[in-house]
Amino acid sequence: FYVPETDRWGEIPDMLNDHSGASAHEIDGHIYIVG
């Protein structure tokens, strides 16, 4: 993740599966990654 206010990158836990060329969207404050 990247926070523009502090110009810093950070890490969150790895996803459960490998994904490239996928799509991600935010809904109600949660991140969904698909396919």
PDB file of all heavy atoms in Angstrom:
ATOM      1  N   PHE A   1       0.841  -1.200   0.000  1.00  0.00           N
ATOM      2  CA  PHE A   1       0.000   0.000   0.000  1.00  0.00           C
ATOM      3  C   PHE A   1       0.875   1.247   0.000  1.00  0.00           C
ATOM      4  O   PHE A   1       2.027   1.235   0.440  1.00  0.00           O
ATOM      5  CB  PHE A   1      -0.946   0.008   1.197  1.00  0.00           C
ATOM      6  CG  PHE A   1      -0.272   0.148   2.538  1.00  0.00           C
ATOM      7  CD1 PHE A   1      -0.086   1.399   3.122  1.00  0.00           C
ATOM      8  CD2 PHE A   1       0.195  -0.974   3.215  1.00  0.00           C
ATOM      9  CE1 PHE A   1       0.536   1.529   4.357  1.00  0.00           C
ATOM     10  CE2 PHE A   1       0.820  -0.860   4.451  1.00  0.00           C
ATOM     11  CZ  PHE A   1       0.997   0.396   5.017  1.00  0.00           C
ATOM     12  N   TYR A   2       0.306   2.334  -0.510  1.00  0.00           N
ATOM     13  CA  TYR A   2       1.019   3.615  -0.607  1.00  0.00           C
ATOM     14  C   TYR A   2       0.152   4.714  -0.015  1.00  0.00           C
ATOM     15  O   TYR A   2      -1.037   4.824  -0.343  1.00  0.00           O
ATOM     16  CB  TYR A   2       1.335   3.940  -2.062  1.00  0.00           C
ATOM     17  CG  TYR A   2       1.955   5.296  -2.266  1.00  0.00           C
ATOM     18  CD1 TYR A   2       3.277   5.540  -1.881  1.00  0.00           C
ATOM     19  CD2 TYR A   2       1.220   6.331  -2.826  1.00  0.00           C
ATOM     20  CE1 TYR A   2       3.843   6.784  -2.054  1.00  0.00           C
ATOM     21  CE2 TYR A   2       1.782   7.586  -3.011  1.00  0.00           C
ATOM     22  CZ  TYR A   2       3.097   7.809  -2.629  1.00  0.00           C
ATOM     23  OH  TYR A   2       3.662   9.050  -2.797  1.00  0.00           O
ATOM     24  N   VAL A   3       0.761   5.532   0.843  1.00  0.00           N
ATOM     25  CA  VAL A   3       0.065   6.663   1.466  1.00  0.00           C
ATOM     26  C   VAL A   3       0.666   7.955   0.900  1.00  0.00           C
ATOM     27  O   VAL A   3       1.799   8.315   1.229  1.00  0.00           O
ATOM     28  CB  VAL A   3       0.205   6.637   3.000  1.00  0.00           C
ATOM     29  CG1 VAL A   3      -0.556   7.805   3.628  1.00  0.00           C
ATOM     30  CG2 VAL A   3      -0.288   5.307   3.556  1.00  0.00           C
ATOM     31  N   PRO A   4      -0.040   8.673   0.038  1.00  0.00           N
ATOM     32  CA  PRO A   4       0.517   9.883  -0.565  1.00  0.00           C
ATOM     33  C   PRO A   4       0.918  10.959   0.448  1.00  0.00           C
ATOM     34  O   PRO A   4       1.897  11.675   0.249  1.00  0.00           O
ATOM     35  CB  PRO A   4      -0.618  10.377  -1.464  1.00  0.00           C
ATOM     36  CG  PRO A   4      -1.410   9.159  -1.775  1.00  0.00           C
ATOM     37  CD  PRO A   4      -1.353   8.321  -0.532  1.00  0.00           C
ATOM     38  N   GLU A   5       0.164  11.072   1.528  1.00  0.00           N
ATOM     39  CA  GLU A   5       0.439  12.123   2.506  1.00  0.00           C
ATOM     40  C   GLU A   5       1.843  12.005   3.084  1.00  0.00           C
ATOM     41  O   GLU A   5       2.516  13.016   3.334  1.00  0.00           O
ATOM     42  CB  GLU A   5      -0.599  12.072   3.625  1.00  0.00           C
ATOM     43  CG  GLU A   5      -0.455  13.210   4.638  1.00  0.00           C
ATOM     44  CD  GLU A   5      -1.535  13.170   5.695  1.00  0.00           C
ATOM     45  OE1 GLU A   5      -2.356  12.226   5.694  1.00  0.00           O
ATOM     46  OE2 GLU A   5      -1.561  14.096   6.525  1.00  0.00           O
ATOM     47  N   THR A   6       2.307  10.783   3.298  1.00  0.00           N
ATOM     48  CA  THR A   6       3.646  10.566   3.856  1.00  0.00           C
ATOM     49  C   THR A   6       4.647  10.104   2.806  1.00  0.00           C
ATOM     50  O   THR A   6       5.828   9.961   3.100  1.00  0.00           O
ATOM     51  CB  THR A   6       3.589   9.513   4.977  1.00  0.00           C
ATOM     52  OG1 THR A   6       3.066   8.280   4.449  1.00  0.00           O
ATOM     53  CG2 THR A   6       2.690   9.990   6.112  1.00  0.00           C
ATOM     54  N   ASP A   7       4.172   9.859   1.581  1.00  0.00           N
ATOM     55  CA  ASP A   7       5.012   9.364   0.489  1.00  0.00           C
ATOM     56  C   ASP A   7       5.750   8.092   0.898  1.00  0.00           C
ATOM     57  O   ASP A   7       6.948   7.942   0.695  1.00  0.00           O
ATOM     58  CB  ASP A   7       6.017  10.437   0.043  1.00  0.00           C
ATOM     59  CG  ASP A   7       6.721  10.070  -1.262  1.00  0.00           C
ATOM     60  OD1 ASP A   7       6.143   9.313  -2.064  1.00  0.00           O
ATOM     61  OD2 ASP A   7       7.871  10.535  -1.465  1.00  0.00           O
ATOM     62  N   ARG A   8       5.003   7.156   1.478  1.00  0.00           N
ATOM     63  CA  ARG A   8       5.608   5.907   1.956  1.00  0.00           C
ATOM     64  C   ARG A   8       4.809   4.701   1.466  1.00  0.00           C
ATOM     65  O   ARG A   8       3.582   4.732   1.398  1.00  0.00           O
ATOM     66  CB  ARG A   8       5.672   5.877   3.482  1.00  0.00           C
ATOM     67  CG  ARG A   8       6.680   6.847   4.079  1.00  0.00           C
ATOM     68  CD  ARG A   8       6.677   6.748   5.592  1.00  0.00           C
ATOM     69  NE  ARG A   8       7.633   7.653   6.205  1.00  0.00           N
ATOM     70  CZ  ARG A   8       8.906   7.363   6.422  1.00  0.00           C
ATOM     71  NH1 ARG A   8       9.375   6.188   6.074  1.00  0.00           N
ATOM     72  NH2 ARG A   8       9.713   8.250   6.974  1.00  0.00           N
ATOM     73  N   TRP A   9       5.554   3.639   1.133  1.00  0.00           N
ATOM     74  CA  TRP A   9       4.969   2.341   0.832  1.00  0.00           C
ATOM     75  C   TRP A   9       5.079   1.431   2.050  1.00  0.00           C
ATOM     76  O   TRP A   9       6.014   1.546   2.830  1.00  0.00           O
ATOM     77  CB  TRP A   9       5.704   1.685  -0.335  1.00  0.00           C
ATOM     78  CG  TRP A   9       5.396   2.262  -1.682  1.00  0.00           C
ATOM     79  CD1 TRP A   9       6.094   3.254  -2.326  1.00  0.00           C
ATOM     80  CD2 TRP A   9       4.332   1.888  -2.549  1.00  0.00           C
ATOM     81  NE1 TRP A   9       5.525   3.511  -3.536  1.00  0.00           N
ATOM     82  CE2 TRP A   9       4.434   2.683  -3.704  1.00  0.00           C
ATOM     83  CE3 TRP A   9       3.296   0.948  -2.459  1.00  0.00           C
ATOM     84  CZ2 TRP A   9       3.547   2.577  -4.768  1.00  0.00           C
ATOM     85  CZ3 TRP A   9       2.407   0.841  -3.525  1.00  0.00           C
ATOM     86  CH2 TRP A   9       2.539   1.644  -4.654  1.00  0.00           C
ATOM     87  N   GLY A  10       4.123   0.538   2.177  1.00  0.00           N
ATOM     88  CA  GLY A  10       4.157  -0.463   3.232  1.00  0.00           C
ATOM     89  C   GLY A  10       3.606  -1.776   2.725  1.00  0.00           C
ATOM     90  O   GLY A  10       3.073  -1.853   1.615  1.00  0.00           O
ATOM     91  N   GLU A  11       3.734  -2.828   3.525  1.00  0.00           N
ATOM     92  CA  GLU A  11       3.276  -4.152   3.135  1.00  0.00           C
ATOM     93  C   GLU A  11       2.067  -4.575   3.962  1.00  0.00           C
ATOM     94  O   GLU A  11       1.932  -4.185   5.125  1.00  0.00           O
ATOM     95  CB  GLU A  11       4.386  -5.187   3.312  1.00  0.00           C
ATOM     96  CG  GLU A  11       5.582  -4.973   2.404  1.00  0.00           C
ATOM     97  CD  GLU A  11       6.616  -6.077   2.561  1.00  0.00           C
ATOM     98  OE1 GLU A  11       6.425  -6.953   3.433  1.00  0.00           O
ATOM     99  OE2 GLU A  11       7.605  -6.062   1.809  1.00  0.00           O
ATOM    100  N   ILE A  12       1.203  -5.353   3.354  1.00  0.00           N
ATOM    101  CA  ILE A  12       0.135  -6.030   4.069  1.00  0.00           C
ATOM    102  C   ILE A  12       0.350  -7.536   3.844  1.00  0.00           C
ATOM    103  O   ILE A  12       1.197  -7.929   3.033  1.00  0.00           O
ATOM    104  CB  ILE A  12      -1.266  -5.595   3.583  1.00  0.00           C
ATOM    105  CG1 ILE A  12      -1.454  -5.893   2.090  1.00  0.00           C
ATOM    106  CG2 ILE A  12      -1.469  -4.105   3.859  1.00  0.00           C
ATOM    107  CD1 ILE A  12      -2.850  -5.581   1.580  1.00  0.00           C
ATOM    108  N   PRO A  13      -0.355  -8.402   4.564  1.00  0.00           N
ATOM    109  CA  PRO A  13      -0.138  -9.843   4.379  1.00  0.00           C
ATOM    110  C   PRO A  13      -0.318 -10.279   2.928  1.00  0.00           C
ATOM    111  O   PRO A  13      -1.129  -9.713   2.189  1.00  0.00           O
ATOM    112  CB  PRO A  13      -1.202 -10.470   5.284  1.00  0.00           C
ATOM    113  CG  PRO A  13      -1.457  -9.441   6.336  1.00  0.00           C
ATOM    114  CD  PRO A  13      -1.331  -8.124   5.637  1.00  0.00           C
ATOM    115  N   ASP A  14       0.468 -11.272   2.526  1.00  0.00           N
ATOM    116  CA  ASP A  14       0.321 -11.832   1.181  1.00  0.00           C
ATOM    117  C   ASP A  14      -1.100 -12.328   0.966  1.00  0.00           C
ATOM    118  O   ASP A  14      -1.775 -12.781   1.909  1.00  0.00           O
ATOM    119  CB  ASP A  14       1.283 -13.009   0.978  1.00  0.00           C
ATOM    120  CG  ASP A  14       2.724 -12.564   0.846  1.00  0.00           C
ATOM    121  OD1 ASP A  14       2.979 -11.341   0.825  1.00  0.00           O
ATOM    122  OD2 ASP A  14       3.587 -13.448   0.752  1.00  0.00           O
ATOM    123  N   MET A  15      -1.525 -12.272  -0.280  1.00  0.00           N
ATOM    124  CA  MET A  15      -2.828 -12.837  -0.630  1.00  0.00           C
ATOM    125  C   MET A  15      -2.792 -14.363  -0.516  1.00  0.00           C
ATOM    126  O   MET A  15      -1.715 -14.966  -0.434  1.00  0.00           O
ATOM    127  CB  MET A  15      -3.209 -12.409  -2.049  1.00  0.00           C
ATOM    128  CG  MET A  15      -3.420 -10.916  -2.194  1.00  0.00           C
ATOM    129  SD  MET A  15      -3.913 -10.446  -3.881  1.00  0.00           S
ATOM    130  CE  MET A  15      -2.370 -10.736  -4.771  1.00  0.00           C
ATOM    131  N   LEU A  16      -3.942 -14.972  -0.518  1.00  0.00           N
ATOM    132  CA  LEU A  16      -4.015 -16.427  -0.410  1.00  0.00           C
ATOM    133  C   LEU A  16      -3.579 -17.117  -1.694  1.00  0.00           C
ATOM    134  O   LEU A  16      -3.128 -18.262  -1.679  1.00  0.00           O
ATOM    135  CB  LEU A  16      -5.444 -16.848  -0.070  1.00  0.00           C
ATOM    136  CG  LEU A  16      -6.024 -16.247   1.212  1.00  0.00           C
ATOM    137  CD1 LEU A  16      -7.478 -16.678   1.372  1.00  0.00           C
ATOM    138  CD2 LEU A  16      -5.203 -16.672   2.422  1.00  0.00           C
ATOM    139  N   ASN A  17      -3.718 -16.413  -2.821  1.00  0.00           N
ATOM    140  CA  ASN A  17      -3.412 -16.996  -4.130  1.00  0.00           C
ATOM    141  C   ASN A  17      -2.600 -16.013  -4.961  1.00  0.00           C
ATOM    142  O   ASN A  17      -2.578 -14.806  -4.694  1.00  0.00           O
ATOM    143  CB  ASN A  17      -4.715 -17.326  -4.884  1.00  0.00           C
ATOM    144  CG  ASN A  17      -5.593 -18.287  -4.132  1.00  0.00           C
ATOM    145  OD1 ASN A  17      -5.333 -19.489  -4.091  1.00  0.00           O
ATOM    146  ND2 ASN A  17      -6.654 -17.767  -3.518  1.00  0.00           N
ATOM    147  N   ASP A  18      -1.925 -16.550  -5.988  1.00  0.00           N
ATOM    148  CA  ASP A  18      -1.247 -15.699  -6.961  1.00  0.00           C
ATOM    149  C   ASP A  18      -2.281 -15.059  -7.875  1.00  0.00           C
ATOM    150  O   ASP A  18      -3.243 -15.702  -8.294  1.00  0.00           O
ATOM    151  CB  ASP A  18      -0.283 -16.531  -7.809  1.00  0.00           C
ATOM    152  CG  ASP A  18       0.826 -17.166  -6.990  1.00  0.00           C
ATOM    153  OD1 ASP A  18       1.211 -16.573  -5.977  1.00  0.00           O
ATOM    154  OD2 ASP A  18       1.294 -18.253  -7.374  1.00  0.00           O
ATOM    155  N   HIS A  19      -2.050 -13.778  -8.199  1.00  0.00           N
ATOM    156  CA  HIS A  19      -2.929 -13.071  -9.125  1.00  0.00           C
ATOM    157  C   HIS A  19      -2.099 -12.134 -10.001  1.00  0.00           C
ATOM    158  O   HIS A  19      -1.302 -11.338  -9.483  1.00  0.00           O
ATOM    159  CB  HIS A  19      -3.957 -12.204  -8.382  1.00  0.00           C
ATOM    160  CG  HIS A  19      -4.982 -12.947  -7.606  1.00  0.00           C
ATOM    161  ND1 HIS A  19      -6.163 -13.390  -8.155  1.00  0.00           N
ATOM    162  CD2 HIS A  19      -5.012 -13.321  -6.304  1.00  0.00           C
ATOM    163  CE1 HIS A  19      -6.886 -13.999  -7.228  1.00  0.00           C
ATOM    164  NE2 HIS A  19      -6.207 -13.969  -6.084  1.00  0.00           N
ATOM    165  N   SER A  20      -2.252 -12.222 -11.306  1.00  0.00           N
ATOM    166  CA  SER A  20      -1.783 -11.167 -12.199  1.00  0.00           C
ATOM    167  C   SER A  20      -2.858 -10.937 -13.244  1.00  0.00           C
ATOM    168  O   SER A  20      -3.632 -11.843 -13.568  1.00  0.00           O
ATOM    169  CB  SER A  20      -0.461 -11.548 -12.868  1.00  0.00           C
ATOM    170  OG  SER A  20      -0.639 -12.617 -13.786  1.00  0.00           O
ATOM    171  N   GLY A  21      -2.943  -9.706 -13.737  1.00  0.00           N
ATOM    172  CA  GLY A  21      -4.005  -9.386 -14.677  1.00  0.00           C
ATOM    173  C   GLY A  21      -5.386  -9.504 -14.074  1.00  0.00           C
ATOM    174  O   GLY A  21      -6.367  -9.743 -14.787  1.00  0.00           O
ATOM    175  N   ALA A  22      -5.470  -9.334 -12.767  1.00  0.00           N
ATOM    176  CA  ALA A  22      -6.756  -9.433 -12.067  1.00  0.00           C
ATOM    177  C   ALA A  22      -7.400  -8.050 -11.952  1.00  0.00           C
ATOM    178  O   ALA A  22      -6.850  -7.041 -12.408  1.00  0.00           O
ATOM    179  CB  ALA A  22      -6.543 -10.039 -10.682  1.00  0.00           C
ATOM    180  N   SER A  23      -8.542  -7.997 -11.326  1.00  0.00           N
ATOM    181  CA  SER A  23      -9.242  -6.741 -11.054  1.00  0.00           C
ATOM    182  C   SER A  23      -9.489  -6.622  -9.559  1.00  0.00           C
ATOM    183  O   SER A  23      -9.763  -7.625  -8.889  1.00  0.00           O
ATOM    184  CB  SER A  23     -10.586  -6.685 -11.789  1.00  0.00           C
ATOM    185  OG  SER A  23     -10.395  -6.716 -13.178  1.00  0.00           O
ATOM    186  N   ALA A  24      -9.392  -5.395  -9.049  1.00  0.00           N
ATOM    187  CA  ALA A  24      -9.634  -5.154  -7.623  1.00  0.00           C
ATOM    188  C   ALA A  24     -10.560  -3.955  -7.460  1.00  0.00           C
ATOM    189  O   ALA A  24     -10.481  -2.993  -8.234  1.00  0.00           O
ATOM    190  CB  ALA A  24      -8.318  -4.914  -6.892  1.00  0.00           C
ATOM    191  N   HIS A  25     -11.418  -4.033  -6.449  1.00  0.00           N
ATOM    192  CA  HIS A  25     -12.351  -2.941  -6.178  1.00  0.00           C
ATOM    193  C   HIS A  25     -12.554  -2.815  -4.674  1.00  0.00           C
ATOM    194  O   HIS A  25     -12.426  -3.794  -3.929  1.00  0.00           O
ATOM    195  CB  HIS A  25     -13.696  -3.192  -6.858  1.00  0.00           C
ATOM    196  CG  HIS A  25     -13.619  -3.203  -8.352  1.00  0.00           C
ATOM    197  ND1 HIS A  25     -13.593  -2.057  -9.100  1.00  0.00           N
ATOM    198  CD2 HIS A  25     -13.517  -4.241  -9.220  1.00  0.00           C
ATOM    199  CE1 HIS A  25     -13.496  -2.375 -10.382  1.00  0.00           C
ATOM    200  NE2 HIS A  25     -13.450  -3.698 -10.468  1.00  0.00           N
ATOM    201  N   GLU A  26     -12.893  -1.598  -4.277  1.00  0.00           N
ATOM    202  CA  GLU A  26     -13.226  -1.331  -2.880  1.00  0.00           C
ATOM    203  C   GLU A  26     -14.733  -1.288  -2.720  1.00  0.00           C
ATOM    204  O   GLU A  26     -15.433  -0.620  -3.498  1.00  0.00           O
ATOM    205  CB  GLU A  26     -12.625   0.003  -2.439  1.00  0.00           C
ATOM    206  CG  GLU A  26     -12.956   0.405  -1.014  1.00  0.00           C
ATOM    207  CD  GLU A  26     -14.267   1.184  -0.882  1.00  0.00           C
ATOM    208  OE1 GLU A  26     -14.694   1.807  -1.883  1.00  0.00           O
ATOM    209  OE2 GLU A  26     -14.880   1.146   0.202  1.00  0.00           O
ATOM    210  N   ILE A  27     -15.251  -2.001  -1.751  1.00  0.00           N
ATOM    211  CA  ILE A  27     -16.669  -1.960  -1.398  1.00  0.00           C
ATOM    212  C   ILE A  27     -16.777  -1.919   0.111  1.00  0.00           C
ATOM    213  O   ILE A  27     -16.254  -2.811   0.804  1.00  0.00           O
ATOM    214  CB  ILE A  27     -17.437  -3.182  -1.948  1.00  0.00           C
ATOM    215  CG1 ILE A  27     -17.350  -3.250  -3.480  1.00  0.00           C
ATOM    216  CG2 ILE A  27     -18.901  -3.133  -1.502  1.00  0.00           C
ATOM    217  CD1 ILE A  27     -18.012  -4.467  -4.079  1.00  0.00           C
ATOM    218  N   ASP A  28     -17.403  -0.872   0.634  1.00  0.00           N
ATOM    219  CA  ASP A  28     -17.616  -0.724   2.072  1.00  0.00           C
ATOM    220  C   ASP A  28     -16.314  -0.855   2.857  1.00  0.00           C
ATOM    221  O   ASP A  28     -16.265  -1.493   3.927  1.00  0.00           O
ATOM    222  CB  ASP A  28     -18.632  -1.753   2.575  1.00  0.00           C
ATOM    223  CG  ASP A  28     -20.031  -1.514   2.008  1.00  0.00           C
ATOM    224  OD1 ASP A  28     -20.336  -0.349   1.686  1.00  0.00           O
ATOM    225  OD2 ASP A  28     -20.791  -2.484   1.873  1.00  0.00           O
ATOM    226  N   GLY A  29     -15.253  -0.276   2.317  1.00  0.00           N
ATOM    227  CA  GLY A  29     -13.977  -0.277   3.020  1.00  0.00           C
ATOM    228  C   GLY A  29     -13.189  -1.563   2.919  1.00  0.00           C
ATOM    229  O   GLY A  29     -12.117  -1.684   3.519  1.00  0.00           O
ATOM    230  N   HIS A  30     -13.682  -2.553   2.167  1.00  0.00           N
ATOM    231  CA  HIS A  30     -12.990  -3.818   1.984  1.00  0.00           C
ATOM    232  C   HIS A  30     -12.472  -3.918   0.551  1.00  0.00           C
ATOM    233  O   HIS A  30     -13.067  -3.368  -0.379  1.00  0.00           O
ATOM    234  CB  HIS A  30     -13.917  -4.999   2.275  1.00  0.00           C
ATOM    235  CG  HIS A  30     -14.341  -5.089   3.702  1.00  0.00           C
ATOM    236  ND1 HIS A  30     -15.265  -4.227   4.260  1.00  0.00           N
ATOM    237  CD2 HIS A  30     -13.973  -5.935   4.695  1.00  0.00           C
ATOM    238  CE1 HIS A  30     -15.450  -4.540   5.539  1.00  0.00           C
ATOM    239  NE2 HIS A  30     -14.675  -5.572   5.828  1.00  0.00           N
ATOM    240  N   ILE A  31     -11.371  -4.629   0.379  1.00  0.00           N
ATOM    241  CA  ILE A  31     -10.766  -4.823  -0.935  1.00  0.00           C
ATOM    242  C   ILE A  31     -11.123  -6.211  -1.459  1.00  0.00           C
ATOM    243  O   ILE A  31     -10.917  -7.213  -0.760  1.00  0.00           O
ATOM    244  CB  ILE A  31      -9.232  -4.677  -0.867  1.00  0.00           C
ATOM    245  CG1 ILE A  31      -8.856  -3.264  -0.413  1.00  0.00           C
ATOM    246  CG2 ILE A  31      -8.588  -5.007  -2.207  1.00  0.00           C
ATOM    247  CD1 ILE A  31      -7.387  -3.118  -0.078  1.00  0.00           C
ATOM    248  N   TYR A  32     -11.632  -6.253  -2.670  1.00  0.00           N
ATOM    249  CA  TYR A  32     -11.938  -7.519  -3.332  1.00  0.00           C
ATOM    250  C   TYR A  32     -11.061  -7.639  -4.579  1.00  0.00           C
ATOM    251  O   TYR A  32     -10.997  -6.706  -5.387  1.00  0.00           O
ATOM    252  CB  TYR A  32     -13.410  -7.585  -3.732  1.00  0.00           C
ATOM    253  CG  TYR A  32     -14.354  -7.646  -2.563  1.00  0.00           C
ATOM    254  CD1 TYR A  32     -14.756  -6.482  -1.904  1.00  0.00           C
ATOM    255  CD2 TYR A  32     -14.835  -8.862  -2.089  1.00  0.00           C
ATOM    256  CE1 TYR A  32     -15.608  -6.534  -0.812  1.00  0.00           C
ATOM    257  CE2 TYR A  32     -15.703  -8.917  -1.002  1.00  0.00           C
ATOM    258  CZ  TYR A  32     -16.077  -7.751  -0.372  1.00  0.00           C
ATOM    259  OH  TYR A  32     -16.933  -7.794   0.718  1.00  0.00           O
ATOM    260  N   ILE A  33     -10.371  -8.762  -4.726  1.00  0.00           N
ATOM    261  CA  ILE A  33      -9.607  -9.045  -5.933  1.00  0.00           C
ATOM    262  C   ILE A  33     -10.199 -10.283  -6.593  1.00  0.00           C
ATOM    263  O   ILE A  33     -10.507 -11.277  -5.925  1.00  0.00           O
ATOM    264  CB  ILE A  33      -8.103  -9.213  -5.643  1.00  0.00           C
ATOM    265  CG1 ILE A  33      -7.327  -9.402  -6.971  1.00  0.00           C
ATOM    266  CG2 ILE A  33      -7.823 -10.333  -4.659  1.00  0.00           C
ATOM    267  CD1 ILE A  33      -5.836  -9.271  -6.824  1.00  0.00           C
ATOM    268  N   VAL A  34     -10.353 -10.200  -7.919  1.00  0.00           N
ATOM    269  CA  VAL A  34     -11.117 -11.224  -8.642  1.00  0.00           C
ATOM    270  C   VAL A  34     -10.316 -11.720  -9.840  1.00  0.00           C
ATOM    271  O   VAL A  34      -9.844 -10.923 -10.661  1.00  0.00           O
ATOM    272  CB  VAL A  34     -12.461 -10.650  -9.133  1.00  0.00           C
ATOM    273  CG1 VAL A  34     -13.244 -11.700  -9.904  1.00  0.00           C
ATOM    274  CG2 VAL A  34     -13.277 -10.113  -7.968  1.00  0.00           C
ATOM    275  N   GLY A  35     -10.173 -13.035  -9.946  1.00  0.00           N
ATOM    276  CA  GLY A  35      -9.680 -13.675 -11.149  1.00  0.00           C
ATOM    277  C   GLY A  35      -8.246 -13.337 -11.505  1.00  0.00           C
ATOM    278  O   GLY A  35      -7.395 -13.109 -10.645  1.00  0.00           O
TER     279      GLY A  35
END
